[in-house]
């Protein structure tokens, strides 16, 4: 059976040294949620998600290395801030999302 990649999925990039290095394919989403960074809760939008992390937009710029948690489908998902750029940051999840969790988030 052939696997069809939806147009909203960006494939993993395996080029070392690239600013766009990815370990897993990501899906573009636009989810209004909240994020907790260093025990402070803020409104946020998740802009893309993969099994290993997400891109989050918020009015608060966290520090790289900060512990953070984003609410996905009503459940908190903990991780670490790995990059920050103009109101957006990358959150690397502490544990990967299961395929069914990932599918539910993309459908939301």
PDB file of N, CA and C in Angstrom:
ATOM      1  N   UNK A   1       0.841  -1.172   0.000  1.00  0.00           N
ATOM      2  CA  UNK A   1       0.000   0.000   0.000  1.00  0.00           C
ATOM      3  C   UNK A   1       0.889   1.240   0.000  1.00  0.00           C
ATOM      4  N   UNK A   2       0.625   2.189  -0.879  1.00  0.00           N
ATOM      5  CA  UNK A   2       1.395   3.419  -0.951  1.00  0.00           C
ATOM      6  C   UNK A   2       0.979   4.367   0.158  1.00  0.00           C
ATOM      7  N   UNK A   3       1.950   5.098   0.685  1.00  0.00           N
ATOM      8  CA  UNK A   3       1.682   6.111   1.695  1.00  0.00           C
ATOM      9  C   UNK A   3       1.614   7.453   0.993  1.00  0.00           C
ATOM     10  N   UNK A   4       0.535   8.169   1.182  1.00  0.00           N
ATOM     11  CA  UNK A   4       0.363   9.487   0.580  1.00  0.00           C
ATOM     12  C   UNK A   4       0.657  10.528   1.647  1.00  0.00           C
ATOM     13  N   UNK A   5       1.584  11.439   1.362  1.00  0.00           N
ATOM     14  CA  UNK A   5       1.921  12.495   2.295  1.00  0.00           C
ATOM     15  C   UNK A   5       0.999  13.679   2.052  1.00  0.00           C
ATOM     16  N   UNK A   6       0.215  14.081   3.073  1.00  0.00           N
ATOM     17  CA  UNK A   6      -0.659  15.238   2.895  1.00  0.00           C
ATOM     18  C   UNK A   6       0.167  16.480   2.601  1.00  0.00           C
ATOM     19  N   UNK A   7      -0.395  17.444   1.866  1.00  0.00           N
ATOM     20  CA  UNK A   7       0.365  18.632   1.504  1.00  0.00           C
ATOM     21  C   UNK A   7       0.801  19.460   2.702  1.00  0.00           C
ATOM     22  N   UNK A   8       0.156  19.291   3.863  1.00  0.00           N
ATOM     23  CA  UNK A   8       0.516  20.081   5.033  1.00  0.00           C
ATOM     24  C   UNK A   8       1.706  19.509   5.796  1.00  0.00           C
ATOM     25  N   UNK A   9       2.240  18.391   5.343  1.00  0.00           N
ATOM     26  CA  UNK A   9       3.359  17.766   6.045  1.00  0.00           C
ATOM     27  C   UNK A   9       4.663  18.159   5.370  1.00  0.00           C
ATOM     28  N   UNK A  10       5.593  18.683   6.172  1.00  0.00           N
ATOM     29  CA  UNK A  10       6.909  19.052   5.680  1.00  0.00           C
ATOM     30  C   UNK A  10       7.856  17.917   6.043  1.00  0.00           C
ATOM     31  N   UNK A  11       8.545  17.308   5.059  1.00  0.00           N
ATOM     32  CA  UNK A  11       9.403  16.167   5.362  1.00  0.00           C
ATOM     33  C   UNK A  11      10.564  16.533   6.278  1.00  0.00           C
ATOM     34  N   UNK A  12      11.109  15.520   6.919  1.00  0.00           N
ATOM     35  CA  UNK A  12      12.285  15.718   7.758  1.00  0.00           C
ATOM     36  C   UNK A  12      13.453  16.154   6.889  1.00  0.00           C
ATOM     37  N   UNK A  13      14.274  17.028   7.414  1.00  0.00           N
ATOM     38  CA  UNK A  13      15.462  17.497   6.721  1.00  0.00           C
ATOM     39  C   UNK A  13      16.657  16.866   7.417  1.00  0.00           C
ATOM     40  N   UNK A  14      17.470  16.157   6.687  1.00  0.00           N
ATOM     41  CA  UNK A  14      18.580  15.423   7.287  1.00  0.00           C
ATOM     42  C   UNK A  14      19.932  16.094   7.067  1.00  0.00           C
ATOM     43  N   UNK A  15      19.964  17.283   6.508  1.00  0.00           N
ATOM     44  CA  UNK A  15      21.219  17.954   6.218  1.00  0.00           C
ATOM     45  C   UNK A  15      21.859  18.469   7.501  1.00  0.00           C
ATOM     46  N   UNK A  16      23.036  17.991   7.837  1.00  0.00           N
ATOM     47  CA  UNK A  16      23.745  18.444   9.035  1.00  0.00           C
ATOM     48  C   UNK A  16      24.213  19.878   8.839  1.00  0.00           C
ATOM     49  N   UNK A  17      24.161  20.653   9.900  1.00  0.00           N
ATOM     50  CA  UNK A  17      24.617  22.026   9.831  1.00  0.00           C
ATOM     51  C   UNK A  17      23.571  22.980   9.300  1.00  0.00           C
ATOM     52  N   UNK A  18      22.457  22.474   8.838  1.00  0.00           N
ATOM     53  CA  UNK A  18      21.391  23.319   8.318  1.00  0.00           C
ATOM     54  C   UNK A  18      20.619  23.942   9.469  1.00  0.00           C
ATOM     55  N   UNK A  19      20.178  25.179   9.300  1.00  0.00           N
ATOM     56  CA  UNK A  19      19.344  25.831  10.309  1.00  0.00           C
ATOM     57  C   UNK A  19      17.974  25.179  10.373  1.00  0.00           C
ATOM     58  N   UNK A  20      17.637  24.371   9.378  1.00  0.00           N
ATOM     59  CA  UNK A  20      16.318  23.750   9.292  1.00  0.00           C
ATOM     60  C   UNK A  20      16.410  22.238   9.514  1.00  0.00           C
ATOM     61  N   UNK A  21      17.328  21.796  10.353  1.00  0.00           N
ATOM     62  CA  UNK A  21      17.510  20.362  10.623  1.00  0.00           C
ATOM     63  C   UNK A  21      16.309  19.818  11.397  1.00  0.00           C
ATOM     64  N   UNK A  22      15.710  18.750  10.924  1.00  0.00           N
ATOM     65  CA  UNK A  22      14.548  18.132  11.567  1.00  0.00           C
ATOM     66  C   UNK A  22      14.789  16.644  11.719  1.00  0.00           C
ATOM     67  N   UNK A  23      14.325  16.092  12.852  1.00  0.00           N
ATOM     68  CA  UNK A  23      14.425  14.650  13.070  1.00  0.00           C
ATOM     69  C   UNK A  23      13.165  13.933  12.632  1.00  0.00           C
ATOM     70  N   UNK A  24      12.056  14.657  12.508  1.00  0.00           N
ATOM     71  CA  UNK A  24      10.775  14.028  12.165  1.00  0.00           C
ATOM     72  C   UNK A  24       9.971  14.970  11.277  1.00  0.00           C
ATOM     73  N   UNK A  25       9.120  14.428  10.401  1.00  0.00           N
ATOM     74  CA  UNK A  25       8.260  15.285   9.579  1.00  0.00           C
ATOM     75  C   UNK A  25       7.349  16.123  10.473  1.00  0.00           C
ATOM     76  N   UNK A  26       7.066  17.331  10.049  1.00  0.00           N
ATOM     77  CA  UNK A  26       6.188  18.199  10.828  1.00  0.00           C
ATOM     78  C   UNK A  26       4.943  18.531  10.029  1.00  0.00           C
ATOM     79  N   UNK A  27       3.874  18.797  10.741  1.00  0.00           N
ATOM     80  CA  UNK A  27       2.607  19.175  10.112  1.00  0.00           C
ATOM     81  C   UNK A  27       2.260  20.593  10.529  1.00  0.00           C
ATOM     82  N   UNK A  28       1.877  21.400   9.557  1.00  0.00           N
ATOM     83  CA  UNK A  28       1.453  22.765   9.856  1.00  0.00           C
ATOM     84  C   UNK A  28       0.073  22.715  10.495  1.00  0.00           C
ATOM     85  N   UNK A  29      -0.070  23.437  11.597  1.00  0.00           N
ATOM     86  CA  UNK A  29      -1.341  23.544  12.305  1.00  0.00           C
ATOM     87  C   UNK A  29      -1.477  24.989  12.770  1.00  0.00           C
ATOM     88  N   UNK A  30      -2.618  25.358  13.285  1.00  0.00           N
ATOM     89  CA  UNK A  30      -2.814  26.668  13.913  1.00  0.00           C
ATOM     90  C   UNK A  30      -3.759  26.443  15.080  1.00  0.00           C
ATOM     91  N   UNK A  31      -3.179  26.157  16.241  1.00  0.00           N
ATOM     92  CA  UNK A  31      -3.961  25.803  17.415  1.00  0.00           C
ATOM     93  C   UNK A  31      -3.794  26.855  18.500  1.00  0.00           C
ATOM     94  N   UNK A  32      -4.891  27.456  18.934  1.00  0.00           N
ATOM     95  CA  UNK A  32      -4.869  28.366  20.072  1.00  0.00           C
ATOM     96  C   UNK A  32      -4.769  27.518  21.330  1.00  0.00           C
ATOM     97  N   UNK A  33      -3.805  27.826  22.180  1.00  0.00           N
ATOM     98  CA  UNK A  33      -3.572  27.015  23.372  1.00  0.00           C
ATOM     99  C   UNK A  33      -2.908  27.866  24.437  1.00  0.00           C
ATOM    100  N   UNK A  34      -2.386  27.231  25.443  1.00  0.00           N
ATOM    101  CA  UNK A  34      -1.567  27.939  26.421  1.00  0.00           C
ATOM    102  C   UNK A  34      -0.264  27.190  26.622  1.00  0.00           C
ATOM    103  N   UNK A  35       0.736  27.972  27.004  1.00  0.00           N
ATOM    104  CA  UNK A  35       2.060  27.424  27.247  1.00  0.00           C
ATOM    105  C   UNK A  35       2.482  27.852  28.648  1.00  0.00           C
ATOM    106  N   UNK A  36       3.197  26.992  29.326  1.00  0.00           N
ATOM    107  CA  UNK A  36       3.753  27.321  30.638  1.00  0.00           C
ATOM    108  C   UNK A  36       5.268  27.303  30.498  1.00  0.00           C
ATOM    109  N   UNK A  37       5.885  28.466  30.773  1.00  0.00           N
ATOM    110  CA  UNK A  37       7.336  28.600  30.674  1.00  0.00           C
ATOM    111  C   UNK A  37       7.834  29.104  32.020  1.00  0.00           C
ATOM    112  N   UNK A  38       8.697  28.339  32.654  1.00  0.00           N
ATOM    113  CA  UNK A  38       9.221  28.713  33.976  1.00  0.00           C
ATOM    114  C   UNK A  38       8.096  29.098  34.935  1.00  0.00           C
ATOM    115  N   UNK A  39       7.047  28.292  34.986  1.00  0.00           N
ATOM    116  CA  UNK A  39       5.898  28.434  35.895  1.00  0.00           C
ATOM    117  C   UNK A  39       4.991  29.626  35.568  1.00  0.00           C
ATOM    118  N   UNK A  40       5.175  30.266  34.414  1.00  0.00           N
ATOM    119  CA  UNK A  40       4.310  31.371  33.991  1.00  0.00           C
ATOM    120  C   UNK A  40       3.468  30.900  32.812  1.00  0.00           C
ATOM    121  N   UNK A  41       2.135  31.029  32.929  1.00  0.00           N
ATOM    122  CA  UNK A  41       1.222  30.599  31.869  1.00  0.00           C
ATOM    123  C   UNK A  41       0.942  31.758  30.926  1.00  0.00           C
ATOM    124  N   UNK A  42       0.979  31.491  29.622  1.00  0.00           N
ATOM    125  CA  UNK A  42       0.709  32.513  28.607  1.00  0.00           C
ATOM    126  C   UNK A  42      -0.121  31.908  27.484  1.00  0.00           C
ATOM    127  N   UNK A  43      -0.880  32.755  26.811  1.00  0.00           N
ATOM    128  CA  UNK A  43      -1.626  32.344  25.619  1.00  0.00           C
ATOM    129  C   UNK A  43      -0.618  32.099  24.499  1.00  0.00           C
ATOM    130  N   UNK A  44      -0.911  31.117  23.646  1.00  0.00           N
ATOM    131  CA  UNK A  44       0.032  30.771  22.578  1.00  0.00           C
ATOM    132  C   UNK A  44      -0.704  30.154  21.397  1.00  0.00           C
ATOM    133  N   UNK A  45      -0.018  30.109  20.265  1.00  0.00           N
ATOM    134  CA  UNK A  45      -0.485  29.395  19.076  1.00  0.00           C
ATOM    135  C   UNK A  45       0.582  28.381  18.692  1.00  0.00           C
ATOM    136  N   UNK A  46       0.172  27.149  18.488  1.00  0.00           N
ATOM    137  CA  UNK A  46       1.080  26.138  17.948  1.00  0.00           C
ATOM    138  C   UNK A  46       0.990  26.253  16.429  1.00  0.00           C
ATOM    139  N   UNK A  47       2.128  26.464  15.771  1.00  0.00           N
ATOM    140  CA  UNK A  47       2.169  26.689  14.323  1.00  0.00           C
ATOM    141  C   UNK A  47       2.514  25.436  13.538  1.00  0.00           C
ATOM    142  N   UNK A  48       3.305  24.564  14.126  1.00  0.00           N
ATOM    143  CA  UNK A  48       3.538  23.254  13.521  1.00  0.00           C
ATOM    144  C   UNK A  48       3.883  22.265  14.620  1.00  0.00           C
ATOM    145  N   UNK A  49       3.737  20.999  14.280  1.00  0.00           N
ATOM    146  CA  UNK A  49       3.969  19.948  15.268  1.00  0.00           C
ATOM    147  C   UNK A  49       4.540  18.719  14.573  1.00  0.00           C
ATOM    148  N   UNK A  50       5.410  18.021  15.286  1.00  0.00           N
ATOM    149  CA  UNK A  50       5.918  16.725  14.841  1.00  0.00           C
ATOM    150  C   UNK A  50       5.890  15.811  16.057  1.00  0.00           C
ATOM    151  N   UNK A  51       6.295  14.588  15.887  1.00  0.00           N
ATOM    152  CA  UNK A  51       6.313  13.679  17.032  1.00  0.00           C
ATOM    153  C   UNK A  51       7.373  14.083  18.052  1.00  0.00           C
ATOM    154  N   UNK A  52       8.355  14.890  17.634  1.00  0.00           N
ATOM    155  CA  UNK A  52       9.455  15.264  18.523  1.00  0.00           C
ATOM    156  C   UNK A  52       9.380  16.680  19.073  1.00  0.00           C
ATOM    157  N   UNK A  53       8.478  17.523  18.538  1.00  0.00           N
ATOM    158  CA  UNK A  53       8.400  18.891  19.037  1.00  0.00           C
ATOM    159  C   UNK A  53       7.421  19.745  18.275  1.00  0.00           C
ATOM    160  N   UNK A  54       7.450  21.057  18.573  1.00  0.00           N
ATOM    161  CA  UNK A  54       6.526  21.975  17.911  1.00  0.00           C
ATOM    162  C   UNK A  54       7.123  23.372  17.824  1.00  0.00           C
ATOM    163  N   UNK A  55       6.550  24.172  16.902  1.00  0.00           N
ATOM    164  CA  UNK A  55       6.871  25.590  16.800  1.00  0.00           C
ATOM    165  C   UNK A  55       5.717  26.337  17.444  1.00  0.00           C
ATOM    166  N   UNK A  56       6.038  27.214  18.389  1.00  0.00           N
ATOM    167  CA  UNK A  56       5.028  27.908  19.174  1.00  0.00           C
ATOM    168  C   UNK A  56       5.218  29.411  19.029  1.00  0.00           C
ATOM    169  N   UNK A  57       4.112  30.147  18.908  1.00  0.00           N
ATOM    170  CA  UNK A  57       4.145  31.607  18.869  1.00  0.00           C
ATOM    171  C   UNK A  57       3.488  32.133  20.133  1.00  0.00           C
ATOM    172  N   UNK A  58       4.159  33.050  20.803  1.00  0.00           N
ATOM    173  CA  UNK A  58       3.617  33.666  22.011  1.00  0.00           C
ATOM    174  C   UNK A  58       4.222  35.050  22.181  1.00  0.00           C
ATOM    175  N   UNK A  59       3.590  35.878  23.006  1.00  0.00           N
ATOM    176  CA  UNK A  59       4.093  37.229  23.252  1.00  0.00           C
ATOM    177  C   UNK A  59       5.329  37.217  24.146  1.00  0.00           C
ATOM    178  N   UNK A  60       5.588  36.103  24.802  1.00  0.00           N
ATOM    179  CA  UNK A  60       6.718  35.977  25.716  1.00  0.00           C
ATOM    180  C   UNK A  60       7.849  35.216  25.037  1.00  0.00           C
ATOM    181  N   UNK A  61       9.040  35.814  24.996  1.00  0.00           N
ATOM    182  CA  UNK A  61      10.212  35.115  24.457  1.00  0.00           C
ATOM    183  C   UNK A  61      10.922  34.387  25.591  1.00  0.00           C
ATOM    184  N   UNK A  62      10.866  33.056  25.600  1.00  0.00           N
ATOM    185  CA  UNK A  62      11.571  32.311  26.643  1.00  0.00           C
ATOM    186  C   UNK A  62      13.071  32.262  26.355  1.00  0.00           C
ATOM    187  N   UNK A  63      13.829  31.812  27.300  1.00  0.00           N
ATOM    188  CA  UNK A  63      15.264  31.601  27.121  1.00  0.00           C
ATOM    189  C   UNK A  63      15.490  30.192  26.579  1.00  0.00           C
ATOM    190  N   UNK A  64      16.461  30.038  25.682  1.00  0.00           N
ATOM    191  CA  UNK A  64      16.830  28.696  25.225  1.00  0.00           C
ATOM    192  C   UNK A  64      17.228  27.863  26.439  1.00  0.00           C
ATOM    193  N   UNK A  65      16.767  26.636  26.453  1.00  0.00           N
ATOM    194  CA  UNK A  65      17.054  25.746  27.567  1.00  0.00           C
ATOM    195  C   UNK A  65      15.983  25.754  28.641  1.00  0.00           C
ATOM    196  N   UNK A  66      15.036  26.704  28.566  1.00  0.00           N
ATOM    197  CA  UNK A  66      13.950  26.765  29.552  1.00  0.00           C
ATOM    198  C   UNK A  66      13.072  25.534  29.456  1.00  0.00           C
ATOM    199  N   UNK A  67      12.579  25.090  30.602  1.00  0.00           N
ATOM    200  CA  UNK A  67      11.576  24.034  30.632  1.00  0.00           C
ATOM    201  C   UNK A  67      10.242  24.670  30.273  1.00  0.00           C
ATOM    202  N   UNK A  68       9.461  24.009  29.437  1.00  0.00           N
ATOM    203  CA  UNK A  68       8.171  24.552  29.013  1.00  0.00           C
ATOM    204  C   UNK A  68       7.193  23.410  28.795  1.00  0.00           C
ATOM    205  N   UNK A  69       5.922  23.764  28.796  1.00  0.00           N
ATOM    206  CA  UNK A  69       4.863  22.793  28.548  1.00  0.00           C
ATOM    207  C   UNK A  69       3.802  23.471  27.702  1.00  0.00           C
ATOM    208  N   UNK A  70       3.335  22.782  26.679  1.00  0.00           N
ATOM    209  CA  UNK A  70       2.276  23.302  25.825  1.00  0.00           C
ATOM    210  C   UNK A  70       1.088  22.349  25.921  1.00  0.00           C
ATOM    211  N   UNK A  71      -0.111  22.898  25.905  1.00  0.00           N
ATOM    212  CA  UNK A  71      -1.316  22.076  25.996  1.00  0.00           C
ATOM    213  C   UNK A  71      -1.744  21.678  24.587  1.00  0.00           C
ATOM    214  N   UNK A  72      -1.754  20.370  24.324  1.00  0.00           N
ATOM    215  CA  UNK A  72      -2.164  19.820  23.032  1.00  0.00           C
ATOM    216  C   UNK A  72      -3.330  18.877  23.260  1.00  0.00           C
ATOM    217  N   UNK A  73      -4.458  19.167  22.627  1.00  0.00           N
ATOM    218  CA  UNK A  73      -5.682  18.367  22.822  1.00  0.00           C
ATOM    219  C   UNK A  73      -6.033  18.230  24.300  1.00  0.00           C
ATOM    220  N   UNK A  74      -5.850  19.320  25.037  1.00  0.00           N
ATOM    221  CA  UNK A  74      -6.225  19.342  26.442  1.00  0.00           C
ATOM    222  C   UNK A  74      -5.215  18.749  27.397  1.00  0.00           C
ATOM    223  N   UNK A  75      -4.145  18.167  26.875  1.00  0.00           N
ATOM    224  CA  UNK A  75      -3.134  17.521  27.716  1.00  0.00           C
ATOM    225  C   UNK A  75      -1.817  18.295  27.648  1.00  0.00           C
ATOM    226  N   UNK A  76      -1.167  18.528  28.793  1.00  0.00           N
ATOM    227  CA  UNK A  76       0.132  19.206  28.758  1.00  0.00           C
ATOM    228  C   UNK A  76       1.213  18.302  28.166  1.00  0.00           C
ATOM    229  N   UNK A  77       2.070  18.902  27.365  1.00  0.00           N
ATOM    230  CA  UNK A  77       3.195  18.170  26.768  1.00  0.00           C
ATOM    231  C   UNK A  77       4.465  18.935  27.128  1.00  0.00           C
ATOM    232  N   UNK A  78       5.282  18.347  27.972  1.00  0.00           N
ATOM    233  CA  UNK A  78       6.481  19.005  28.488  1.00  0.00           C
ATOM    234  C   UNK A  78       7.645  18.880  27.522  1.00  0.00           C
ATOM    235  N   UNK A  79       8.549  19.851  27.621  1.00  0.00           N
ATOM    236  CA  UNK A  79       9.746  19.815  26.806  1.00  0.00           C
ATOM    237  C   UNK A  79      10.710  20.918  27.175  1.00  0.00           C
ATOM    238  N   UNK A  80      11.639  21.170  26.252  1.00  0.00           N
ATOM    239  CA  UNK A  80      12.685  22.164  26.457  1.00  0.00           C
ATOM    240  C   UNK A  80      12.711  23.107  25.257  1.00  0.00           C
ATOM    241  N   UNK A  81      12.879  24.405  25.513  1.00  0.00           N
ATOM    242  CA  UNK A  81      12.997  25.404  24.451  1.00  0.00           C
ATOM    243  C   UNK A  81      14.372  25.241  23.812  1.00  0.00           C
ATOM    244  N   UNK A  82      14.389  25.009  22.485  1.00  0.00           N
ATOM    245  CA  UNK A  82      15.662  24.767  21.794  1.00  0.00           C
ATOM    246  C   UNK A  82      16.082  25.902  20.866  1.00  0.00           C
ATOM    247  N   UNK A  83      15.159  26.802  20.522  1.00  0.00           N
ATOM    248  CA  UNK A  83      15.505  28.001  19.760  1.00  0.00           C
ATOM    249  C   UNK A  83      14.427  29.056  19.994  1.00  0.00           C
ATOM    250  N   UNK A  84      14.792  30.326  19.823  1.00  0.00           N
ATOM    251  CA  UNK A  84      13.866  31.450  20.003  1.00  0.00           C
ATOM    252  C   UNK A  84      14.143  32.447  18.896  1.00  0.00           C
ATOM    253  N   UNK A  85      13.056  32.980  18.274  1.00  0.00           N
ATOM    254  CA  UNK A  85      13.213  33.970  17.211  1.00  0.00           C
ATOM    255  C   UNK A  85      11.941  34.794  17.089  1.00  0.00           C
ATOM    256  N   UNK A  86      11.979  36.048  17.533  1.00  0.00           N
ATOM    257  CA  UNK A  86      10.910  37.029  17.321  1.00  0.00           C
ATOM    258  C   UNK A  86       9.517  36.519  17.687  1.00  0.00           C
ATOM    259  N   UNK A  87       9.340  36.108  18.928  1.00  0.00           N
ATOM    260  CA  UNK A  87       8.022  35.675  19.385  1.00  0.00           C
ATOM    261  C   UNK A  87       7.679  34.235  19.076  1.00  0.00           C
ATOM    262  N   UNK A  88       8.577  33.537  18.445  1.00  0.00           N
ATOM    263  CA  UNK A  88       8.365  32.116  18.143  1.00  0.00           C
ATOM    264  C   UNK A  88       9.488  31.321  18.798  1.00  0.00           C
ATOM    265  N   UNK A  89       9.165  30.091  19.157  1.00  0.00           N
ATOM    266  CA  UNK A  89      10.212  29.242  19.712  1.00  0.00           C
ATOM    267  C   UNK A  89       9.950  27.786  19.376  1.00  0.00           C
ATOM    268  N   UNK A  90      11.027  27.022  19.390  1.00  0.00           N
ATOM    269  CA  UNK A  90      10.942  25.588  19.156  1.00  0.00           C
ATOM    270  C   UNK A  90      10.929  24.857  20.481  1.00  0.00           C
ATOM    271  N   UNK A  91       9.969  23.968  20.641  1.00  0.00           N
ATOM    272  CA  UNK A  91       9.853  23.157  21.851  1.00  0.00           C
ATOM    273  C   UNK A  91      10.159  21.711  21.488  1.00  0.00           C
ATOM    274  N   UNK A  92      11.220  21.168  22.059  1.00  0.00           N
ATOM    275  CA  UNK A  92      11.552  19.757  21.866  1.00  0.00           C
ATOM    276  C   UNK A  92      10.890  18.982  23.003  1.00  0.00           C
ATOM    277  N   UNK A  93       9.988  18.066  22.650  1.00  0.00           N
ATOM    278  CA  UNK A  93       9.256  17.311  23.656  1.00  0.00           C
ATOM    279  C   UNK A  93      10.189  16.399  24.446  1.00  0.00           C
ATOM    280  N   UNK A  94       9.899  16.246  25.739  1.00  0.00           N
ATOM    281  CA  UNK A  94      10.674  15.342  26.596  1.00  0.00           C
ATOM    282  C   UNK A  94      10.474  13.890  26.163  1.00  0.00           C
ATOM    283  N   UNK A  95       9.258  13.574  25.711  1.00  0.00           N
ATOM    284  CA  UNK A  95       8.955  12.248  25.154  1.00  0.00           C
ATOM    285  C   UNK A  95       8.207  12.448  23.847  1.00  0.00           C
ATOM    286  N   UNK A  96       8.444  11.578  22.881  1.00  0.00           N
ATOM    287  CA  UNK A  96       7.797  11.717  21.572  1.00  0.00           C
ATOM    288  C   UNK A  96       6.297  11.471  21.660  1.00  0.00           C
ATOM    289  N   UNK A  97       5.568  12.128  20.765  1.00  0.00           N
ATOM    290  CA  UNK A  97       4.137  11.857  20.629  1.00  0.00           C
ATOM    291  C   UNK A  97       3.947  10.509  19.950  1.00  0.00           C
ATOM    292  N   UNK A  98       2.959   9.770  20.392  1.00  0.00           N
ATOM    293  CA  UNK A  98       2.584   8.525  19.719  1.00  0.00           C
ATOM    294  C   UNK A  98       1.875   8.884  18.415  1.00  0.00           C
ATOM    295  N   UNK A  99       1.899   8.010  17.409  1.00  0.00           N
ATOM    296  CA  UNK A  99       1.243   8.305  16.130  1.00  0.00           C
ATOM    297  C   UNK A  99      -0.231   8.687  16.274  1.00  0.00           C
ATOM    298  N   UNK A 100      -0.973   8.040  17.182  1.00  0.00           N
ATOM    299  CA  UNK A 100      -2.385   8.392  17.354  1.00  0.00           C
ATOM    300  C   UNK A 100      -2.546   9.768  17.989  1.00  0.00           C
ATOM    301  N   UNK A 101      -1.647  10.165  18.890  1.00  0.00           N
ATOM    302  CA  UNK A 101      -1.686  11.506  19.471  1.00  0.00           C
ATOM    303  C   UNK A 101      -1.402  12.550  18.397  1.00  0.00           C
ATOM    304  N   UNK A 102      -0.404  12.275  17.569  1.00  0.00           N
ATOM    305  CA  UNK A 102      -0.038  13.185  16.484  1.00  0.00           C
ATOM    306  C   UNK A 102      -1.212  13.366  15.530  1.00  0.00           C
ATOM    307  N   UNK A 103      -1.858  12.280  15.144  1.00  0.00           N
ATOM    308  CA  UNK A 103      -2.998  12.341  14.224  1.00  0.00           C
ATOM    309  C   UNK A 103      -4.137  13.154  14.829  1.00  0.00           C
ATOM    310  N   UNK A 104      -4.406  12.991  16.110  1.00  0.00           N
ATOM    311  CA  UNK A 104      -5.488  13.734  16.765  1.00  0.00           C
ATOM    312  C   UNK A 104      -5.191  15.228  16.794  1.00  0.00           C
ATOM    313  N   UNK A 105      -3.944  15.612  17.003  1.00  0.00           N
ATOM    314  CA  UNK A 105      -3.568  17.026  17.033  1.00  0.00           C
ATOM    315  C   UNK A 105      -3.723  17.641  15.654  1.00  0.00           C
ATOM    316  N   UNK A 106      -3.287  16.954  14.625  1.00  0.00           N
ATOM    317  CA  UNK A 106      -3.381  17.472  13.255  1.00  0.00           C
ATOM    318  C   UNK A 106      -4.841  17.615  12.830  1.00  0.00           C
ATOM    319  N   UNK A 107      -5.708  16.702  13.280  1.00  0.00           N
ATOM    320  CA  UNK A 107      -7.139  16.775  12.948  1.00  0.00           C
ATOM    321  C   UNK A 107      -7.853  17.899  13.683  1.00  0.00           C
ATOM    322  N   UNK A 108      -7.319  18.334  14.828  1.00  0.00           N
ATOM    323  CA  UNK A 108      -8.003  19.330  15.677  1.00  0.00           C
ATOM    324  C   UNK A 108      -8.184  20.657  14.985  1.00  0.00           C
TER     325      UNK A 108
END
